[in-house]
Amino acid sequence: MKIGKKEFEIENKTYIMGILNVTPDSFSDGGKFNNIENALRHTEKMINDGADIIDVGGESSRPGYTVITEEEEISRVVPVIENIKKRFDIPVSIDTYKSNVAKASFNVGADIINDIWGFKYDRKMAQITKEFDAVCCLTHNRSDTDYINYMEDILSDLRQSVKIALDTGISKDKIIIDPGVGFGKTYENNIEIISKLERLKELGFPILLGVSRKSVIGITLNLPVDERLEGTLATTVFGVIKGCGFVRVHDVKENKRIITMTEKLMGRW
């Protein structure tokens, strides 16, 4: 898979998407990086620690988050993306479900759209992605937890997102899927989707796993958000073993080390 100017050998390796929240209210690091200099310093640190992609988000998606206008979101993310692309040679993802934000981000060099609604919230998203020949990460999400057959429903929902992409003309080699841990799921649902990640391989696309510091870890270990590193690392190891091509994390250095060790034990290099 080619993202930006870089090739990703997803069949034999798990890559790191480093999280850069330029928001005042992110559940984990709100307000830390919501100015350009702090954002660039943190980006440089994540790259030095082993990040392969930087994922920029301008609106929190934590439970109970405040929806902001497209204009506000654009004003947060576009200067950061533009400066990252000028200073660093690394693919950049924009974490948004709004087509105008996506378009503004693509215009300054973003390479990936990371849509937590899997192209189902804003139907212009797929067309914008196609126009810029970008990669898309389609996350499973729904507004309720009324599943009939949980895993089959997950797969069906993701197939719908993939169909939107393909019907728009986005090529198969530009699609990543995300099980959507924490989105439209109960605690038990989250545990089940992580434990059965291999089922997503039935769809035939690279998988991105994003569990870093999330509530499923906090509930399991009874820990606050700033003490969930070990739980995150456990899910990362699980993701590597289950064949995920990408993990989206806050703590890049620790995740890079554990991925390297796990891949060595698996005989990947």
C-alpha atoms as a PDB file:
ATOM      1  CA  MET A   1       0.000   0.000   0.000  1.00  0.00           C
ATOM      2  CA  LYS A   2       1.325   3.425  -0.958  1.00  0.00           C
ATOM      3  CA  ILE A   3       0.478   6.338   1.335  1.00  0.00           C
ATOM      4  CA  GLY A   4       1.831   9.663   0.168  1.00  0.00           C
ATOM      5  CA  LYS A   5       5.317   8.928  -1.122  1.00  0.00           C
ATOM      6  CA  LYS A   6       5.894   5.902   1.112  1.00  0.00           C
ATOM      7  CA  GLU A   7       5.279   2.198   0.596  1.00  0.00           C
ATOM      8  CA  PHE A   8       3.819   0.178   3.476  1.00  0.00           C
ATOM      9  CA  GLU A   9       4.425  -3.598   3.510  1.00  0.00           C
ATOM     10  CA  ILE A  10       1.300  -4.372   5.493  1.00  0.00           C
ATOM     11  CA  GLU A  11       1.403  -8.126   4.935  1.00  0.00           C
ATOM     12  CA  ASN A  12       4.491  -8.541   7.104  1.00  0.00           C
ATOM     13  CA  LYS A  13       4.634  -5.507   9.356  1.00  0.00           C
ATOM     14  CA  THR A  14       2.565  -3.396  11.736  1.00  0.00           C
ATOM     15  CA  TYR A  15       3.024   0.358  11.385  1.00  0.00           C
ATOM     16  CA  ILE A  16       2.412   3.119  13.915  1.00  0.00           C
ATOM     17  CA  MET A  17      -0.001   6.008  13.453  1.00  0.00           C
ATOM     18  CA  GLY A  18       0.935   8.610  16.059  1.00  0.00           C
ATOM     19  CA  ILE A  19      -1.931  10.651  17.506  1.00  0.00           C
ATOM     20  CA  LEU A  20      -1.685  14.440  17.393  1.00  0.00           C
ATOM     21  CA  ASN A  21      -4.736  16.066  18.969  1.00  0.00           C
ATOM     22  CA  VAL A  22      -4.869  19.808  18.334  1.00  0.00           C
ATOM     23  CA  THR A  23      -7.945  20.184  20.495  1.00  0.00           C
ATOM     24  CA  PRO A  24      -8.577  21.724  23.909  1.00  0.00           C
ATOM     25  CA  ASP A  25     -10.810  18.850  25.044  1.00  0.00           C
ATOM     26  CA  SER A  26      -9.339  15.528  23.909  1.00  0.00           C
ATOM     27  CA  PHE A  27     -10.012  12.803  26.493  1.00  0.00           C
ATOM     28  CA  SER A  28      -6.298  12.045  26.840  1.00  0.00           C
ATOM     29  CA  ASP A  29      -4.155  15.060  25.996  1.00  0.00           C
ATOM     30  CA  GLY A  30      -6.535  17.956  25.386  1.00  0.00           C
ATOM     31  CA  GLY A  31      -4.831  21.328  25.174  1.00  0.00           C
ATOM     32  CA  LYS A  32      -1.246  20.057  25.117  1.00  0.00           C
ATOM     33  CA  PHE A  33      -0.632  20.477  21.410  1.00  0.00           C
ATOM     34  CA  ASN A  34      -3.213  23.018  20.257  1.00  0.00           C
ATOM     35  CA  ASN A  35      -0.665  25.536  19.023  1.00  0.00           C
ATOM     36  CA  ILE A  36       1.621  25.047  16.050  1.00  0.00           C
ATOM     37  CA  GLU A  37       4.978  25.018  17.829  1.00  0.00           C
ATOM     38  CA  ASN A  38       3.887  22.495  20.452  1.00  0.00           C
ATOM     39  CA  ALA A  39       2.277  20.391  17.739  1.00  0.00           C
ATOM     40  CA  LEU A  40       5.462  20.398  15.648  1.00  0.00           C
ATOM     41  CA  ARG A  41       7.647  19.547  18.627  1.00  0.00           C
ATOM     42  CA  HIS A  42       5.417  16.614  19.480  1.00  0.00           C
ATOM     43  CA  THR A  43       5.347  15.516  15.852  1.00  0.00           C
ATOM     44  CA  GLU A  44       9.146  15.518  15.747  1.00  0.00           C
ATOM     45  CA  LYS A  45       9.270  13.478  18.949  1.00  0.00           C
ATOM     46  CA  MET A  46       6.800  10.920  17.589  1.00  0.00           C
ATOM     47  CA  ILE A  47       8.787  10.598  14.359  1.00  0.00           C
ATOM     48  CA  ASN A  48      12.028  10.110  16.299  1.00  0.00           C
ATOM     49  CA  ASP A  49      10.261   7.516  18.470  1.00  0.00           C
ATOM     50  CA  GLY A  50       9.183   5.524  15.414  1.00  0.00           C
ATOM     51  CA  ALA A  51       5.874   6.884  14.089  1.00  0.00           C
ATOM     52  CA  ASP A  52       5.160   6.036  10.451  1.00  0.00           C
ATOM     53  CA  ILE A  53       2.089   8.288  10.061  1.00  0.00           C
ATOM     54  CA  ILE A  54       0.883  11.348  11.983  1.00  0.00           C
ATOM     55  CA  ASP A  55      -2.876  11.525  12.609  1.00  0.00           C
ATOM     56  CA  VAL A  56      -4.083  15.084  13.187  1.00  0.00           C
ATOM     57  CA  GLY A  57      -7.419  15.654  14.902  1.00  0.00           C
ATOM     58  CA  GLY A  58      -9.161  18.967  15.490  1.00  0.00           C
ATOM     59  CA  GLU A  59     -12.378  17.795  17.139  1.00  0.00           C
ATOM     60  CA  SER A  60     -12.520  15.421  20.074  1.00  0.00           C
ATOM     61  CA  SER A  61     -14.472  12.189  19.546  1.00  0.00           C
ATOM     62  CA  ARG A  62     -14.556  11.230  23.224  1.00  0.00           C
ATOM     63  CA  PRO A  63     -17.967  10.433  24.764  1.00  0.00           C
ATOM     64  CA  GLY A  64     -19.900  13.644  25.267  1.00  0.00           C
ATOM     65  CA  TYR A  65     -17.599  15.663  23.025  1.00  0.00           C
ATOM     66  CA  THR A  66     -18.543  19.143  21.840  1.00  0.00           C
ATOM     67  CA  VAL A  67     -19.280  19.400  18.129  1.00  0.00           C
ATOM     68  CA  ILE A  68     -17.506  22.390  16.587  1.00  0.00           C
ATOM     69  CA  THR A  69     -18.086  24.205  13.313  1.00  0.00           C
ATOM     70  CA  GLU A  70     -16.217  23.221  10.172  1.00  0.00           C
ATOM     71  CA  GLU A  71     -14.562  26.631  10.160  1.00  0.00           C
ATOM     72  CA  GLU A  72     -13.202  26.150  13.675  1.00  0.00           C
ATOM     73  CA  GLU A  73     -11.978  22.654  12.895  1.00  0.00           C
ATOM     74  CA  ILE A  74     -10.273  23.847   9.704  1.00  0.00           C
ATOM     75  CA  SER A  75      -8.579  26.685  11.578  1.00  0.00           C
ATOM     76  CA  ARG A  76      -7.166  24.150  14.051  1.00  0.00           C
ATOM     77  CA  VAL A  77      -5.905  21.457  11.703  1.00  0.00           C
ATOM     78  CA  VAL A  78      -4.893  23.110   8.420  1.00  0.00           C
ATOM     79  CA  PRO A  79      -1.963  25.214   9.728  1.00  0.00           C
ATOM     80  CA  VAL A  80      -0.636  22.195  11.625  1.00  0.00           C
ATOM     81  CA  ILE A  81      -0.869  19.842   8.647  1.00  0.00           C
ATOM     82  CA  GLU A  82       0.675  22.436   6.340  1.00  0.00           C
ATOM     83  CA  ASN A  83       3.644  22.934   8.661  1.00  0.00           C
ATOM     84  CA  ILE A  84       4.147  19.208   9.258  1.00  0.00           C
ATOM     85  CA  LYS A  85       4.286  18.594   5.513  1.00  0.00           C
ATOM     86  CA  LYS A  86       6.773  21.442   5.046  1.00  0.00           C
ATOM     87  CA  ARG A  87       9.073  20.318   7.857  1.00  0.00           C
ATOM     88  CA  PHE A  88       8.853  16.519   7.853  1.00  0.00           C
ATOM     89  CA  ASP A  89       8.801  13.745   5.255  1.00  0.00           C
ATOM     90  CA  ILE A  90       5.962  11.676   6.704  1.00  0.00           C
ATOM     91  CA  PRO A  91       2.409  10.805   5.632  1.00  0.00           C
ATOM     92  CA  VAL A  92      -0.289  12.783   7.448  1.00  0.00           C
ATOM     93  CA  SER A  93      -3.808  11.642   8.253  1.00  0.00           C
ATOM     94  CA  ILE A  94      -6.692  13.977   9.011  1.00  0.00           C
ATOM     95  CA  ASP A  95      -9.123  12.655  11.606  1.00  0.00           C
ATOM     96  CA  THR A  96     -12.456  14.118  10.542  1.00  0.00           C
ATOM     97  CA  TYR A  97     -15.885  13.093   9.278  1.00  0.00           C
ATOM     98  CA  LYS A  98     -16.610  16.426   7.529  1.00  0.00           C
ATOM     99  CA  SER A  99     -15.934  16.802   3.816  1.00  0.00           C
ATOM    100  CA  ASN A 100     -15.016  20.495   3.918  1.00  0.00           C
ATOM    101  CA  VAL A 101     -12.415  19.816   6.598  1.00  0.00           C
ATOM    102  CA  ALA A 102     -11.099  16.911   4.552  1.00  0.00           C
ATOM    103  CA  LYS A 103     -10.850  19.036   1.408  1.00  0.00           C
ATOM    104  CA  ALA A 104      -9.026  21.859   3.204  1.00  0.00           C
ATOM    105  CA  SER A 105      -6.635  19.314   4.704  1.00  0.00           C
ATOM    106  CA  PHE A 106      -5.964  17.610   1.364  1.00  0.00           C
ATOM    107  CA  ASN A 107      -5.253  21.009  -0.154  1.00  0.00           C
ATOM    108  CA  VAL A 108      -2.287  21.462   2.200  1.00  0.00           C
ATOM    109  CA  GLY A 109      -0.928  17.952   1.772  1.00  0.00           C
ATOM    110  CA  ALA A 110      -2.856  15.457   3.917  1.00  0.00           C
ATOM    111  CA  ASP A 111      -2.538  11.899   2.589  1.00  0.00           C
ATOM    112  CA  ILE A 112      -5.246   9.987   4.471  1.00  0.00           C
ATOM    113  CA  ILE A 113      -8.785  10.641   5.605  1.00  0.00           C
ATOM    114  CA  ASN A 114      -9.539   8.943   8.922  1.00  0.00           C
ATOM    115  CA  ASP A 115     -13.349   8.982   9.098  1.00  0.00           C
ATOM    116  CA  ILE A 116     -14.880   7.720  12.355  1.00  0.00           C
ATOM    117  CA  TRP A 117     -18.224   7.351  10.558  1.00  0.00           C
ATOM    118  CA  GLY A 118     -16.894   5.313   7.643  1.00  0.00           C
ATOM    119  CA  PHE A 119     -18.220   7.665   4.932  1.00  0.00           C
ATOM    120  CA  LYS A 120     -21.761   7.429   6.341  1.00  0.00           C
ATOM    121  CA  TYR A 121     -22.059  10.829   8.075  1.00  0.00           C
ATOM    122  CA  ASP A 122     -21.118  13.111   5.192  1.00  0.00           C
ATOM    123  CA  ARG A 123     -21.719  11.487   1.813  1.00  0.00           C
ATOM    124  CA  LYS A 124     -19.384  13.993   0.119  1.00  0.00           C
ATOM    125  CA  MET A 125     -16.429  12.476   1.952  1.00  0.00           C
ATOM    126  CA  ALA A 126     -15.944   9.620  -0.482  1.00  0.00           C
ATOM    127  CA  GLN A 127     -16.006  11.940  -3.499  1.00  0.00           C
ATOM    128  CA  ILE A 128     -13.477  14.325  -1.936  1.00  0.00           C
ATOM    129  CA  THR A 129     -11.205  11.385  -1.134  1.00  0.00           C
ATOM    130  CA  LYS A 130     -11.491  10.167  -4.723  1.00  0.00           C
ATOM    131  CA  GLU A 131     -10.781  13.613  -6.161  1.00  0.00           C
ATOM    132  CA  PHE A 132      -7.504  13.845  -4.239  1.00  0.00           C
ATOM    133  CA  ASP A 133      -6.590  10.199  -4.883  1.00  0.00           C
ATOM    134  CA  ALA A 134      -6.142   9.790  -1.121  1.00  0.00           C
ATOM    135  CA  VAL A 135      -6.179   6.792   1.190  1.00  0.00           C
ATOM    136  CA  CYS A 136      -9.184   6.363   3.479  1.00  0.00           C
ATOM    137  CA  CYS A 137      -9.528   4.671   6.843  1.00  0.00           C
ATOM    138  CA  LEU A 138     -13.142   3.593   7.327  1.00  0.00           C
ATOM    139  CA  THR A 139     -14.105   3.145  10.964  1.00  0.00           C
ATOM    140  CA  HIS A 140     -17.022   1.059  12.165  1.00  0.00           C
ATOM    141  CA  ASN A 141     -19.530   3.193  14.005  1.00  0.00           C
ATOM    142  CA  ARG A 142     -23.263   3.415  14.601  1.00  0.00           C
ATOM    143  CA  SER A 143     -25.583   5.533  16.711  1.00  0.00           C
ATOM    144  CA  ASP A 144     -26.906   2.601  18.739  1.00  0.00           C
ATOM    145  CA  THR A 145     -25.766  -0.720  20.194  1.00  0.00           C
ATOM    146  CA  ASP A 146     -28.789  -2.739  19.077  1.00  0.00           C
ATOM    147  CA  TYR A 147     -26.882  -5.578  17.443  1.00  0.00           C
ATOM    148  CA  ILE A 148     -28.628  -8.784  16.385  1.00  0.00           C
ATOM    149  CA  ASN A 149     -25.558 -10.872  15.567  1.00  0.00           C
ATOM    150  CA  TYR A 150     -22.689  -8.729  16.773  1.00  0.00           C
ATOM    151  CA  MET A 151     -19.730  -9.820  14.633  1.00  0.00           C
ATOM    152  CA  GLU A 152     -21.836 -10.328  11.538  1.00  0.00           C
ATOM    153  CA  ASP A 153     -23.381  -6.885  12.048  1.00  0.00           C
ATOM    154  CA  ILE A 154     -19.912  -5.339  12.365  1.00  0.00           C
ATOM    155  CA  LEU A 155     -18.813  -6.955   9.115  1.00  0.00           C
ATOM    156  CA  SER A 156     -22.033  -5.928   7.370  1.00  0.00           C
ATOM    157  CA  ASP A 157     -21.678  -2.312   8.523  1.00  0.00           C
ATOM    158  CA  LEU A 158     -18.071  -2.189   7.315  1.00  0.00           C
ATOM    159  CA  ARG A 159     -19.049  -3.711   3.977  1.00  0.00           C
ATOM    160  CA  GLN A 160     -21.489  -0.834   3.550  1.00  0.00           C
ATOM    161  CA  SER A 161     -18.690   1.689   4.145  1.00  0.00           C
ATOM    162  CA  VAL A 162     -16.404  -0.136   1.731  1.00  0.00           C
ATOM    163  CA  LYS A 163     -19.184  -0.207  -0.886  1.00  0.00           C
ATOM    164  CA  ILE A 164     -19.584   3.561  -0.640  1.00  0.00           C
ATOM    165  CA  ALA A 165     -15.849   3.933  -1.282  1.00  0.00           C
ATOM    166  CA  LEU A 166     -15.708   1.478  -4.172  1.00  0.00           C
ATOM    167  CA  ASP A 167     -18.884   2.807  -5.800  1.00  0.00           C
ATOM    168  CA  THR A 168     -17.321   6.273  -5.748  1.00  0.00           C
ATOM    169  CA  GLY A 169     -14.295   4.946  -7.585  1.00  0.00           C
ATOM    170  CA  ILE A 170     -11.798   4.691  -4.741  1.00  0.00           C
ATOM    171  CA  SER A 171      -9.485   1.791  -5.527  1.00  0.00           C
ATOM    172  CA  LYS A 172      -9.185  -1.208  -3.220  1.00  0.00           C
ATOM    173  CA  ASP A 173      -5.528  -0.476  -2.504  1.00  0.00           C
ATOM    174  CA  LYS A 174      -6.497   2.834  -0.908  1.00  0.00           C
ATOM    175  CA  ILE A 175      -8.868   1.441   1.725  1.00  0.00           C
ATOM    176  CA  ILE A 176      -8.093   0.654   5.385  1.00  0.00           C
ATOM    177  CA  ILE A 177     -10.729  -0.564   7.841  1.00  0.00           C
ATOM    178  CA  ASP A 178     -10.959   0.085  11.579  1.00  0.00           C
ATOM    179  CA  PRO A 179     -13.130  -1.981  13.976  1.00  0.00           C
ATOM    180  CA  GLY A 180     -14.071   1.214  15.807  1.00  0.00           C
ATOM    181  CA  VAL A 181     -13.241   0.332  19.399  1.00  0.00           C
ATOM    182  CA  GLY A 182     -15.206   2.772  21.544  1.00  0.00           C
ATOM    183  CA  PHE A 183     -17.667   3.790  18.833  1.00  0.00           C
ATOM    184  CA  GLY A 184     -21.259   2.522  19.018  1.00  0.00           C
ATOM    185  CA  LYS A 185     -20.242  -0.311  21.331  1.00  0.00           C
ATOM    186  CA  THR A 186     -20.663  -1.381  24.935  1.00  0.00           C
ATOM    187  CA  TYR A 187     -17.706  -2.438  27.067  1.00  0.00           C
ATOM    188  CA  GLU A 188     -18.448  -6.089  26.277  1.00  0.00           C
ATOM    189  CA  ASN A 189     -18.727  -5.244  22.567  1.00  0.00           C
ATOM    190  CA  ASN A 190     -15.301  -3.600  22.658  1.00  0.00           C
ATOM    191  CA  ILE A 191     -13.695  -6.617  24.318  1.00  0.00           C
ATOM    192  CA  GLU A 192     -15.270  -8.943  21.767  1.00  0.00           C
ATOM    193  CA  ILE A 193     -14.197  -6.985  18.690  1.00  0.00           C
ATOM    194  CA  ILE A 194     -10.606  -6.788  19.926  1.00  0.00           C
ATOM    195  CA  SER A 195     -10.547 -10.506  20.716  1.00  0.00           C
ATOM    196  CA  LYS A 196     -11.940 -11.380  17.272  1.00  0.00           C
ATOM    197  CA  LEU A 197      -9.943  -8.989  15.105  1.00  0.00           C
ATOM    198  CA  GLU A 198      -9.069 -11.774  12.689  1.00  0.00           C
ATOM    199  CA  ARG A 199     -12.690 -11.810  11.494  1.00  0.00           C
ATOM    200  CA  LEU A 200     -12.117  -8.423   9.860  1.00  0.00           C
ATOM    201  CA  LYS A 201      -9.542  -9.980   7.565  1.00  0.00           C
ATOM    202  CA  GLU A 202     -12.486 -11.606   5.782  1.00  0.00           C
ATOM    203  CA  LEU A 203     -13.127  -8.229   4.159  1.00  0.00           C
ATOM    204  CA  GLY A 204      -9.704  -8.245   2.499  1.00  0.00           C
ATOM    205  CA  PHE A 205      -8.408  -4.837   3.595  1.00  0.00           C
ATOM    206  CA  PRO A 206      -5.627  -3.693   5.952  1.00  0.00           C
ATOM    207  CA  ILE A 207      -6.806  -3.232   9.536  1.00  0.00           C
ATOM    208  CA  LEU A 208      -6.071  -0.269  11.776  1.00  0.00           C
ATOM    209  CA  LEU A 209      -6.515  -0.849  15.509  1.00  0.00           C
ATOM    210  CA  GLY A 210      -7.051   2.178  17.752  1.00  0.00           C
ATOM    211  CA  VAL A 211      -7.378   1.337  21.449  1.00  0.00           C
ATOM    212  CA  SER A 212      -4.769   3.655  22.946  1.00  0.00           C
ATOM    213  CA  ARG A 213      -5.770   4.802  26.457  1.00  0.00           C
ATOM    214  CA  LYS A 214      -9.459   4.158  25.742  1.00  0.00           C
ATOM    215  CA  SER A 215     -12.124   3.424  28.328  1.00  0.00           C
ATOM    216  CA  VAL A 216     -12.150  -0.310  27.598  1.00  0.00           C
ATOM    217  CA  ILE A 217      -8.664  -0.359  29.143  1.00  0.00           C
ATOM    218  CA  GLY A 218      -9.640   1.949  31.986  1.00  0.00           C
ATOM    219  CA  ILE A 219     -12.664  -0.172  32.894  1.00  0.00           C
ATOM    220  CA  THR A 220     -10.768  -3.457  32.677  1.00  0.00           C
ATOM    221  CA  LEU A 221      -7.862  -2.272  34.824  1.00  0.00           C
ATOM    222  CA  ASN A 222      -9.749   0.334  36.882  1.00  0.00           C
ATOM    223  CA  LEU A 223      -7.209   2.984  35.892  1.00  0.00           C
ATOM    224  CA  PRO A 224      -7.392   6.676  34.919  1.00  0.00           C
ATOM    225  CA  VAL A 225      -6.502   7.761  31.401  1.00  0.00           C
ATOM    226  CA  ASP A 226      -2.887   8.641  32.233  1.00  0.00           C
ATOM    227  CA  GLU A 227      -2.152   5.142  33.591  1.00  0.00           C
ATOM    228  CA  ARG A 228      -3.292   3.010  30.660  1.00  0.00           C
ATOM    229  CA  LEU A 229       0.021   2.432  28.890  1.00  0.00           C
ATOM    230  CA  GLU A 230       0.396  -1.236  29.814  1.00  0.00           C
ATOM    231  CA  GLY A 231      -3.171  -1.978  28.771  1.00  0.00           C
ATOM    232  CA  THR A 232      -2.575  -0.206  25.475  1.00  0.00           C
ATOM    233  CA  LEU A 233       0.594  -2.226  24.882  1.00  0.00           C
ATOM    234  CA  ALA A 234      -1.322  -5.459  25.478  1.00  0.00           C
ATOM    235  CA  THR A 235      -3.817  -4.527  22.764  1.00  0.00           C
ATOM    236  CA  THR A 236      -0.974  -3.588  20.432  1.00  0.00           C
ATOM    237  CA  VAL A 237       0.672  -6.988  20.847  1.00  0.00           C
ATOM    238  CA  PHE A 238      -2.706  -8.595  20.223  1.00  0.00           C
ATOM    239  CA  GLY A 239      -3.135  -6.485  17.097  1.00  0.00           C
ATOM    240  CA  VAL A 240       0.265  -7.508  15.747  1.00  0.00           C
ATOM    241  CA  ILE A 241      -0.478 -11.193  16.346  1.00  0.00           C
ATOM    242  CA  LYS A 242      -3.924 -10.861  14.721  1.00  0.00           C
ATOM    243  CA  GLY A 243      -2.399  -9.263  11.618  1.00  0.00           C
ATOM    244  CA  CYS A 244      -3.258  -5.574  11.940  1.00  0.00           C
ATOM    245  CA  GLY A 245      -1.357  -3.398   9.490  1.00  0.00           C
ATOM    246  CA  PHE A 246      -1.549  -0.302  11.685  1.00  0.00           C
ATOM    247  CA  VAL A 247      -2.042   0.721  15.312  1.00  0.00           C
ATOM    248  CA  ARG A 248      -3.083   4.243  16.282  1.00  0.00           C
ATOM    249  CA  VAL A 249      -1.406   5.231  19.554  1.00  0.00           C
ATOM    250  CA  HIS A 250      -0.356   8.091  21.803  1.00  0.00           C
ATOM    251  CA  ASP A 251       2.824   6.562  23.260  1.00  0.00           C
ATOM    252  CA  VAL A 252       4.880   5.896  20.154  1.00  0.00           C
ATOM    253  CA  LYS A 253       8.225   4.873  21.651  1.00  0.00           C
ATOM    254  CA  GLU A 254       6.831   2.164  23.903  1.00  0.00           C
ATOM    255  CA  ASN A 255       4.535   0.804  21.206  1.00  0.00           C
ATOM    256  CA  LYS A 256       7.368   0.765  18.662  1.00  0.00           C
ATOM    257  CA  ARG A 257       9.528  -1.292  21.006  1.00  0.00           C
ATOM    258  CA  ILE A 258       6.824  -3.809  21.765  1.00  0.00           C
ATOM    259  CA  ILE A 259       5.894  -4.168  18.093  1.00  0.00           C
ATOM    260  CA  THR A 260       9.540  -4.779  17.174  1.00  0.00           C
ATOM    261  CA  MET A 261       9.895  -7.451  19.845  1.00  0.00           C
ATOM    262  CA  THR A 262       6.607  -9.137  18.931  1.00  0.00           C
ATOM    263  CA  GLU A 263       7.470  -9.186  15.225  1.00  0.00           C
ATOM    264  CA  LYS A 264      10.864 -10.709  15.995  1.00  0.00           C
ATOM    265  CA  LEU A 265       9.260 -13.492  18.019  1.00  0.00           C
ATOM    266  CA  MET A 266       6.829 -14.102  15.157  1.00  0.00           C
ATOM    267  CA  GLY A 267       9.718 -14.450  12.707  1.00  0.00           C
ATOM    268  CA  ARG A 268       8.696 -11.465  10.608  1.00  0.00           C
ATOM    269  CA  TRP A 269      12.307 -10.272  10.297  1.00  0.00           C
END
